[in-house]
Protein backbone atom coordinates (compact mmCIF):
# COMPACT_ATOMS: atom_id res chain seq x y z
CA MET A 1 180.06 -47.61 -148.04
CA LEU A 2 177.95 -44.79 -149.94
CA ASP A 3 178.68 -43.22 -152.85
CA PRO A 4 180.86 -39.51 -151.90
CA THR A 5 178.10 -37.48 -154.48
CA ALA A 6 175.53 -38.71 -152.14
CA ILE A 7 176.91 -37.88 -148.62
CA LEU A 8 177.99 -34.30 -150.11
CA ILE A 9 174.50 -33.73 -150.89
CA PHE A 10 173.11 -34.80 -147.96
CA ALA A 11 175.86 -32.81 -145.87
CA GLY A 12 174.70 -29.98 -147.83
CA ALA A 13 170.91 -30.31 -147.45
CA LEU A 14 171.89 -31.25 -143.72
CA PHE A 15 173.75 -28.37 -143.10
CA VAL A 16 171.43 -25.37 -145.09
CA ALA A 17 168.34 -26.97 -142.34
CA ALA A 18 170.66 -27.30 -139.31
CA ALA A 19 171.34 -23.47 -139.79
CA SER A 20 168.06 -22.27 -140.58
CA PRO A 21 166.43 -20.82 -137.96
CA GLY A 22 163.76 -23.00 -135.79
CA PRO A 23 162.69 -24.36 -132.30
CA GLY A 24 166.19 -25.96 -131.36
CA ILE A 25 168.09 -22.92 -132.83
CA ALA A 26 166.28 -20.83 -130.85
CA ALA A 27 166.49 -23.36 -127.51
CA ILE A 28 170.21 -23.16 -128.24
CA VAL A 29 170.64 -19.75 -128.76
CA ALA A 30 168.53 -18.66 -125.92
CA ARG A 31 170.14 -20.97 -123.31
CA VAL A 32 173.26 -19.49 -124.31
CA LEU A 33 172.11 -16.26 -123.91
CA GLY A 34 170.19 -16.75 -121.10
CA ARG A 35 172.40 -19.10 -118.80
CA GLY A 36 175.86 -18.88 -120.82
CA THR A 37 178.06 -21.86 -122.24
CA ASP A 38 177.77 -23.90 -118.90
CA GLY A 39 175.45 -27.01 -120.03
CA SER A 40 175.42 -26.26 -123.57
CA VAL A 41 177.25 -29.29 -125.19
CA ALA A 42 174.68 -31.62 -122.94
CA PHE A 43 171.79 -29.61 -124.16
CA THR A 44 173.18 -29.64 -127.85
CA ALA A 45 174.27 -33.30 -127.72
CA GLY A 46 170.79 -33.79 -127.00
CA VAL A 47 169.42 -32.07 -129.67
CA ALA A 48 172.12 -33.99 -132.24
CA ILE A 49 171.51 -37.44 -130.72
CA GLY A 50 167.70 -36.23 -131.20
CA ASP A 51 169.03 -35.95 -135.03
CA VAL A 52 170.55 -39.73 -135.04
CA VAL A 53 166.82 -41.17 -133.90
CA TRP A 54 164.70 -40.00 -136.56
CA LEU A 55 167.95 -40.65 -139.29
CA THR A 56 167.84 -44.10 -137.42
CA LEU A 57 163.77 -44.05 -138.09
CA ALA A 58 164.20 -43.53 -141.54
CA VAL A 59 166.96 -45.87 -142.16
CA THR A 60 165.54 -49.08 -140.29
CA GLY A 61 161.82 -48.42 -142.43
CA LEU A 62 160.28 -47.10 -139.45
CA ALA A 63 159.02 -44.51 -141.03
CA VAL A 64 155.37 -46.02 -140.84
CA LEU A 65 156.10 -47.08 -137.23
CA ALA A 66 156.20 -43.74 -136.20
CA GLN A 67 152.85 -42.58 -138.17
CA THR A 68 151.36 -45.81 -136.72
CA PHE A 69 152.33 -44.41 -132.75
CA GLN A 70 151.37 -41.45 -133.84
CA ALA A 71 150.78 -40.81 -130.19
CA VAL A 72 153.38 -41.65 -128.80
CA PHE A 73 155.26 -39.03 -131.14
CA VAL A 74 152.69 -36.49 -130.49
CA ALA A 75 153.14 -36.63 -126.36
CA VAL A 76 157.31 -36.48 -127.13
CA LYS A 77 156.38 -33.41 -129.41
CA TYR A 78 153.85 -31.93 -126.40
CA ALA A 79 156.93 -32.65 -123.54
CA GLY A 80 159.82 -30.94 -125.49
CA ALA A 81 157.53 -27.98 -125.96
CA ALA A 82 156.62 -28.43 -122.30
CA TYR A 83 160.19 -28.28 -121.50
CA LEU A 84 161.03 -25.39 -123.34
CA LEU A 85 158.62 -23.12 -121.56
CA PHE A 86 159.91 -24.56 -118.19
CA LEU A 87 163.72 -22.93 -119.66
CA ALA A 88 161.43 -19.84 -120.48
CA TRP A 89 159.65 -19.52 -117.18
CA LYS A 90 163.55 -19.51 -115.63
CA LEU A 91 165.09 -17.38 -117.80
CA TRP A 92 162.13 -15.01 -117.69
CA THR A 93 162.57 -15.17 -113.50
CA ALA A 94 166.04 -15.14 -113.76
CA PRO A 95 167.69 -12.78 -110.92
CA ALA A 96 168.75 -9.42 -112.87
CA ALA A 97 171.47 -8.08 -110.64
CA ALA A 98 174.94 -6.61 -112.32
CA ARG A 99 177.33 -10.18 -112.07
CA ASP A 100 180.32 -11.09 -114.18
CA ILE A 101 178.47 -13.41 -117.19
CA ALA A 102 181.78 -15.11 -117.99
CA ALA A 103 181.73 -16.80 -114.82
CA THR A 104 180.18 -20.13 -113.93
CA THR A 105 176.57 -20.27 -112.97
CA THR A 106 174.60 -22.75 -110.90
CA ARG A 107 175.46 -25.89 -112.67
CA GLU A 108 172.39 -27.71 -114.26
CA CYS A 109 172.18 -31.44 -114.24
CA GLN A 110 173.53 -32.42 -117.49
CA ALA A 111 171.38 -35.76 -117.73
CA ARG A 112 168.39 -33.59 -117.49
CA LEU A 113 170.38 -30.98 -120.13
CA PHE A 114 170.64 -33.68 -122.52
CA LEU A 115 167.01 -35.26 -122.26
CA GLY A 116 165.77 -31.86 -122.59
CA GLY A 117 167.62 -31.17 -126.13
CA LEU A 118 166.64 -35.01 -127.44
CA ALA A 119 163.00 -33.89 -126.35
CA VAL A 120 163.38 -30.96 -127.96
CA THR A 121 164.39 -32.52 -131.75
CA MET A 122 162.22 -35.24 -130.85
CA GLY A 123 159.59 -32.75 -131.27
CA ASN A 124 160.80 -30.52 -133.78
CA PRO A 125 158.47 -31.06 -136.83
CA LYS A 126 161.20 -29.83 -139.20
CA VAL A 127 163.72 -32.61 -138.35
CA MET A 128 160.53 -35.26 -138.73
CA VAL A 129 159.85 -33.72 -142.24
CA PHE A 130 163.78 -33.46 -143.19
CA TYR A 131 164.71 -37.47 -142.15
CA LEU A 132 161.30 -38.90 -143.06
CA ALA A 133 160.19 -36.79 -146.38
CA LEU A 134 163.01 -35.16 -147.66
CA LEU A 135 166.18 -37.49 -146.53
CA PRO A 136 164.10 -40.77 -148.90
CA ASN A 137 164.71 -38.10 -151.80
CA LEU A 138 168.46 -37.70 -151.54
CA ILE A 139 169.65 -41.05 -150.65
CA ASP A 140 168.20 -44.80 -151.34
CA LEU A 141 167.13 -45.50 -148.20
CA ARG A 142 166.65 -49.29 -149.06
CA ALA A 143 170.61 -49.94 -150.42
CA ILE A 144 172.22 -48.43 -147.28
CA GLN A 145 174.36 -50.97 -145.10
CA PRO A 146 176.02 -50.89 -141.59
CA ALA A 147 178.81 -48.95 -142.97
CA GLY A 148 176.71 -46.83 -145.03
CA TYR A 149 174.35 -46.21 -141.91
CA ALA A 150 177.57 -45.30 -139.96
CA GLU A 151 178.88 -42.73 -142.57
CA LEU A 152 175.09 -41.02 -142.29
CA VAL A 153 175.52 -40.67 -138.32
CA GLY A 154 179.02 -39.72 -138.69
CA VAL A 155 177.40 -36.92 -141.05
CA VAL A 156 175.28 -35.37 -138.94
CA LEU A 157 177.13 -35.36 -135.97
CA SER A 158 180.17 -33.27 -137.82
CA VAL A 159 177.46 -30.67 -139.41
CA LEU A 160 175.60 -30.31 -136.22
CA THR A 161 178.67 -29.60 -134.29
CA LEU A 162 179.83 -27.41 -136.73
CA VAL A 163 176.30 -25.76 -136.69
CA PHE A 164 175.82 -25.30 -132.73
CA SER A 165 179.30 -24.52 -132.07
CA GLY A 166 178.57 -21.86 -134.50
CA TYR A 167 175.64 -20.45 -132.95
CA ILE A 168 176.85 -21.11 -129.59
CA MET A 169 179.90 -19.28 -129.75
CA LEU A 170 178.18 -16.11 -131.45
CA ALA A 171 175.27 -16.10 -128.63
CA ALA A 172 178.36 -16.21 -125.98
CA ARG A 173 179.80 -13.58 -127.64
CA ALA A 174 176.66 -11.23 -127.67
CA ARG A 175 176.05 -12.45 -123.71
CA ARG A 176 179.03 -10.51 -123.13
CA LEU A 177 178.25 -7.43 -124.28
CA PHE A 178 175.51 -7.10 -121.16
CA THR A 179 176.61 -6.68 -117.78
CA SER A 180 174.42 -4.03 -116.13
CA ALA A 181 171.63 -5.18 -113.87
CA ARG A 182 168.96 -3.51 -116.76
CA ALA A 183 170.51 -4.66 -119.41
CA MET A 184 170.57 -8.69 -117.69
CA LYS A 185 166.92 -8.29 -117.18
CA THR A 186 166.68 -7.34 -120.38
CA ILE A 187 168.38 -10.55 -122.10
CA ASN A 188 166.89 -13.33 -119.53
CA ARG A 189 163.33 -11.65 -120.47
CA THR A 190 164.01 -12.15 -124.03
CA THR A 191 165.71 -14.93 -124.55
CA GLY A 192 162.51 -16.17 -122.25
CA ALA A 193 160.14 -14.98 -124.99
CA VAL A 194 162.04 -16.55 -127.44
CA MET A 195 162.44 -20.38 -125.75
CA ALA A 196 158.46 -19.94 -125.22
CA GLY A 197 158.27 -18.87 -128.54
CA ALA A 198 160.43 -22.34 -129.63
CA ALA A 199 157.70 -24.17 -127.32
CA VAL A 200 154.98 -22.37 -128.89
CA ALA A 201 156.01 -23.63 -132.88
CA ILE A 202 156.71 -27.11 -132.00
CA ALA A 203 153.38 -27.44 -130.23
CA THR A 204 150.85 -26.04 -132.68
CA ARG A 205 152.94 -27.75 -136.09
């Protein structure tokens, strides 16, 4: 079991890092604004599991391995950026007819959304830096046992669920303000541009 103080410090640092604007948050918000909440659970679950993967790499001492096979992680980074660009294109070209935005849109493949969210986190430099550089300064990773690792995973999933839920609710509320065809065209293209910006941020760091 980990020291409660260390857990609180880790949770606080993760909350600040997760809540601060970045490619992951931009992708989540832009997606909800442009497509609604349908599929948001699968997408954000992928984003969160990506954090768990980076946590696992840090705890198991695989940071060196990650650097050794840097080309693999570079490929994952560009895959995440490419997926965001695809989402940006879908948002930019989405129909702009007036509609009930609270209604469910065309359903998307949940597995593809999950993998898309995972790719976004695996290629997000901010997440990499947090787990591979900052985390070792917060917790003595060499002393972590299976129970301590489980605690950290629980903290990660709890904090990210809180942060992502907040952003999803805010974005969903903002989306309800746009009902006309002109407004929908504006929001689709604005969120598409935000998504493309997130892709550029991932690819160029």
